[in-house]
Each structure stands twice: as C-alpha cells, then as structure tokens.
Amino acid sequence: MRGIYSSVTDIRRKVFTEVARMAYEGTDYSHIEELPYKIVPGEVERYRESIFLERAIVGERLRLTMGLSLRPIDQHAPLVEGVEESARPEKYYEPPLINVIKFACNACPE
C-alpha cells in the first residue's frame, strides 16, 4: 500500500537497488548468487521463520525483477540460470504478469 512502510518495502527497495546497480555498472551476472546474502545479512531471521527462507525469497525476487520466470520449487537451479537471455534488449513479456512466490506467501490466492 502506498505510503505505508513495511519490511516487504525494505526488501523490495534493496532488490531493485541491486538490480539497478548491476544494470548501471554492467557487471558480470555471476555474482547474483551472493546478493541474497548482501540483502539479508547475518545469521538471524528478521521477517520469516528461517534465514534460509528469507534468502530464497530474495533470490526469487531478484530473478523476477530481472524479468526471469519463477523456478520450479522441486528442482535445483542456480539464480543465474537464464540471465543472459533476459539481459537482451529484445526480451518480451512472458506470462503471467503477476507472479506469486508460493513458498513466500501461505495465504496468497493463486
């Protein structure tokens, strides 16, 4: 909601800041794997029941912010998978427009 600051707003800003920094600096995308640790530092969870869950959600948010699709929950894949295809200027919209990270929201409708 507009004008109401929350922990989700803080994480969203950090994610957009890091993606914008990568785009502006033109850096190598291989360090994306380190960004969840930079955005959610430390060993103690602040927003969820597990620090690992917080970082997994941030990783998916990073992918969605860069225009990538959600990864299947039951398959292991690195965060950088598909980044090169997404970094093209000819990249087009892929449905769905609104993505729900299933393990991030227990009460969100499909």
C-alpha atoms as a PDB file:
ATOM      1  CA  MET A   1       0.000   0.000   0.000  1.00  0.00           C
ATOM      2  CA  ARG A   2       1.198   3.427  -0.853  1.00  0.00           C
ATOM      3  CA  GLY A   3       2.734   5.438   1.947  1.00  0.00           C
ATOM      4  CA  ILE A   4       2.909   2.551   4.412  1.00  0.00           C
ATOM      5  CA  TYR A   5       6.431   1.361   5.071  1.00  0.00           C
ATOM      6  CA  SER A   6       6.934  -2.303   5.933  1.00  0.00           C
ATOM      7  CA  SER A   7       9.651  -4.949   5.915  1.00  0.00           C
ATOM      8  CA  VAL A   8       8.451  -6.007   2.454  1.00  0.00           C
ATOM      9  CA  THR A   9       9.003  -2.446   1.230  1.00  0.00           C
ATOM     10  CA  ASP A  10      12.538  -2.501   2.616  1.00  0.00           C
ATOM     11  CA  ILE A  11      13.412  -5.778   0.880  1.00  0.00           C
ATOM     12  CA  ARG A  12      11.771  -4.645  -2.371  1.00  0.00           C
ATOM     13  CA  ARG A  13      13.860  -1.461  -2.386  1.00  0.00           C
ATOM     14  CA  LYS A  14      17.053  -3.376  -1.718  1.00  0.00           C
ATOM     15  CA  VAL A  15      16.292  -5.836  -4.524  1.00  0.00           C
ATOM     16  CA  PHE A  16      15.533  -3.066  -7.029  1.00  0.00           C
ATOM     17  CA  THR A  17      18.664  -1.182  -5.921  1.00  0.00           C
ATOM     18  CA  GLU A  18      20.906  -4.181  -6.550  1.00  0.00           C
ATOM     19  CA  VAL A  19      19.349  -4.967  -9.938  1.00  0.00           C
ATOM     20  CA  ALA A  20      19.648  -1.303 -10.966  1.00  0.00           C
ATOM     21  CA  ARG A  21      23.280  -1.273  -9.792  1.00  0.00           C
ATOM     22  CA  MET A  22      24.058  -4.329 -11.930  1.00  0.00           C
ATOM     23  CA  ALA A  23      22.396  -2.752 -14.958  1.00  0.00           C
ATOM     24  CA  TYR A  24      24.107   0.593 -14.471  1.00  0.00           C
ATOM     25  CA  GLU A  25      27.574  -0.817 -13.840  1.00  0.00           C
ATOM     26  CA  GLY A  26      27.238  -3.516 -16.476  1.00  0.00           C
ATOM     27  CA  THR A  27      28.769  -6.019 -14.094  1.00  0.00           C
ATOM     28  CA  ASP A  28      29.057  -9.724 -14.539  1.00  0.00           C
ATOM     29  CA  TYR A  29      25.869 -11.532 -13.573  1.00  0.00           C
ATOM     30  CA  SER A  30      27.721 -14.350 -11.841  1.00  0.00           C
ATOM     31  CA  HIS A  31      27.703 -12.517  -8.502  1.00  0.00           C
ATOM     32  CA  ILE A  32      23.887 -12.702  -8.329  1.00  0.00           C
ATOM     33  CA  GLU A  33      24.310 -15.772  -6.121  1.00  0.00           C
ATOM     34  CA  GLU A  34      25.868 -13.512  -3.440  1.00  0.00           C
ATOM     35  CA  LEU A  35      23.141 -10.854  -3.472  1.00  0.00           C
ATOM     36  CA  PRO A  36      20.652 -12.627  -1.159  1.00  0.00           C
ATOM     37  CA  TYR A  37      23.432 -12.686   1.471  1.00  0.00           C
ATOM     38  CA  LYS A  38      24.065  -8.969   0.937  1.00  0.00           C
ATOM     39  CA  ILE A  39      20.372  -8.038   1.066  1.00  0.00           C
ATOM     40  CA  VAL A  40      19.608 -10.280   4.068  1.00  0.00           C
ATOM     41  CA  PRO A  41      22.872 -10.292   6.070  1.00  0.00           C
ATOM     42  CA  GLY A  42      23.659 -12.137   9.257  1.00  0.00           C
ATOM     43  CA  GLU A  43      22.529 -15.376  10.778  1.00  0.00           C
ATOM     44  CA  VAL A  44      19.292 -14.335  12.493  1.00  0.00           C
ATOM     45  CA  GLU A  45      15.976 -14.194  10.648  1.00  0.00           C
ATOM     46  CA  ARG A  46      14.050 -10.910  10.787  1.00  0.00           C
ATOM     47  CA  TYR A  47      10.982 -11.388   8.605  1.00  0.00           C
ATOM     48  CA  ARG A  48      10.250 -15.133   8.394  1.00  0.00           C
ATOM     49  CA  GLU A  49      10.834 -18.270  10.442  1.00  0.00           C
ATOM     50  CA  SER A  50      14.168 -19.037   8.749  1.00  0.00           C
ATOM     51  CA  ILE A  51      17.075 -17.035   7.368  1.00  0.00           C
ATOM     52  CA  PHE A  52      17.313 -19.591   4.554  1.00  0.00           C
ATOM     53  CA  LEU A  53      13.688 -18.963   3.573  1.00  0.00           C
ATOM     54  CA  GLU A  54      14.281 -15.205   3.600  1.00  0.00           C
ATOM     55  CA  ARG A  55      17.256 -15.588   1.261  1.00  0.00           C
ATOM     56  CA  ALA A  56      15.386 -17.982  -1.033  1.00  0.00           C
ATOM     57  CA  ILE A  57      12.564 -15.456  -1.361  1.00  0.00           C
ATOM     58  CA  VAL A  58      15.046 -12.648  -2.066  1.00  0.00           C
ATOM     59  CA  GLY A  59      16.667 -14.830  -4.732  1.00  0.00           C
ATOM     60  CA  GLU A  60      13.332 -15.350  -6.469  1.00  0.00           C
ATOM     61  CA  ARG A  61      12.555 -11.632  -6.165  1.00  0.00           C
ATOM     62  CA  LEU A  62      15.886 -10.867  -7.863  1.00  0.00           C
ATOM     63  CA  ARG A  63      15.020 -13.212 -10.735  1.00  0.00           C
ATOM     64  CA  LEU A  64      11.528 -11.736 -11.150  1.00  0.00           C
ATOM     65  CA  THR A  65      12.900  -8.183 -11.053  1.00  0.00           C
ATOM     66  CA  MET A  66      15.269  -9.031 -13.906  1.00  0.00           C
ATOM     67  CA  GLY A  67      12.395 -10.366 -15.999  1.00  0.00           C
ATOM     68  CA  LEU A  68      13.052 -14.048 -15.420  1.00  0.00           C
ATOM     69  CA  SER A  69      10.354 -16.568 -14.626  1.00  0.00           C
ATOM     70  CA  LEU A  70       9.909 -18.394 -11.351  1.00  0.00           C
ATOM     71  CA  ARG A  71      11.922 -21.550 -10.939  1.00  0.00           C
ATOM     72  CA  PRO A  72      10.163 -24.830 -10.109  1.00  0.00           C
ATOM     73  CA  ILE A  73      10.226 -25.500  -6.378  1.00  0.00           C
ATOM     74  CA  ASP A  74      11.103 -29.159  -6.798  1.00  0.00           C
ATOM     75  CA  GLN A  75      14.212 -28.581  -8.944  1.00  0.00           C
ATOM     76  CA  HIS A  76      17.563 -27.098  -8.026  1.00  0.00           C
ATOM     77  CA  ALA A  77      18.757 -24.380 -10.368  1.00  0.00           C
ATOM     78  CA  PRO A  78      21.218 -21.534  -9.827  1.00  0.00           C
ATOM     79  CA  LEU A  79      19.903 -17.975  -9.609  1.00  0.00           C
ATOM     80  CA  VAL A  80      21.867 -17.017 -12.717  1.00  0.00           C
ATOM     81  CA  GLU A  81      20.144 -19.608 -14.902  1.00  0.00           C
ATOM     82  CA  GLY A  82      18.563 -17.760 -17.833  1.00  0.00           C
ATOM     83  CA  VAL A  83      20.022 -14.340 -17.011  1.00  0.00           C
ATOM     84  CA  GLU A  84      21.872 -13.977 -20.300  1.00  0.00           C
ATOM     85  CA  GLU A  85      18.644 -14.469 -22.273  1.00  0.00           C
ATOM     86  CA  SER A  86      16.865 -11.921 -20.080  1.00  0.00           C
ATOM     87  CA  ALA A  87      19.578  -9.266 -20.483  1.00  0.00           C
ATOM     88  CA  ARG A  88      18.762  -8.770 -24.168  1.00  0.00           C
ATOM     89  CA  PRO A  89      17.013  -5.564 -25.284  1.00  0.00           C
ATOM     90  CA  GLU A  90      14.642  -7.687 -27.410  1.00  0.00           C
ATOM     91  CA  LYS A  91      13.271  -9.515 -24.356  1.00  0.00           C
ATOM     92  CA  TYR A  92       9.486  -9.677 -24.414  1.00  0.00           C
ATOM     93  CA  TYR A  93       6.897 -10.178 -21.731  1.00  0.00           C
ATOM     94  CA  GLU A  94       6.289 -13.734 -20.591  1.00  0.00           C
ATOM     95  CA  PRO A  95       3.024 -14.524 -18.826  1.00  0.00           C
ATOM     96  CA  PRO A  96       1.963 -14.424 -16.052  1.00  0.00           C
ATOM     97  CA  LEU A  97       2.140 -10.700 -15.390  1.00  0.00           C
ATOM     98  CA  ILE A  98       1.824 -11.198 -11.624  1.00  0.00           C
ATOM     99  CA  ASN A  99       3.884 -13.957 -10.072  1.00  0.00           C
ATOM    100  CA  VAL A 100       3.270 -15.451  -6.658  1.00  0.00           C
ATOM    101  CA  ILE A 101       6.258 -16.991  -4.929  1.00  0.00           C
ATOM    102  CA  LYS A 102       4.390 -19.914  -3.392  1.00  0.00           C
ATOM    103  CA  PHE A 103       6.769 -20.565  -0.521  1.00  0.00           C
ATOM    104  CA  ALA A 104       6.784 -16.857   0.370  1.00  0.00           C
ATOM    105  CA  CYS A 105       3.057 -16.434   0.827  1.00  0.00           C
ATOM    106  CA  ASN A 106       0.945 -19.047   2.514  1.00  0.00           C
ATOM    107  CA  ALA A 107      -2.305 -17.075   2.181  1.00  0.00           C
ATOM    108  CA  CYS A 108      -1.921 -15.640  -1.337  1.00  0.00           C
ATOM    109  CA  PRO A 109      -4.542 -16.702  -3.879  1.00  0.00           C
ATOM    110  CA  GLU A 110      -3.330 -18.500  -6.983  1.00  0.00           C
END
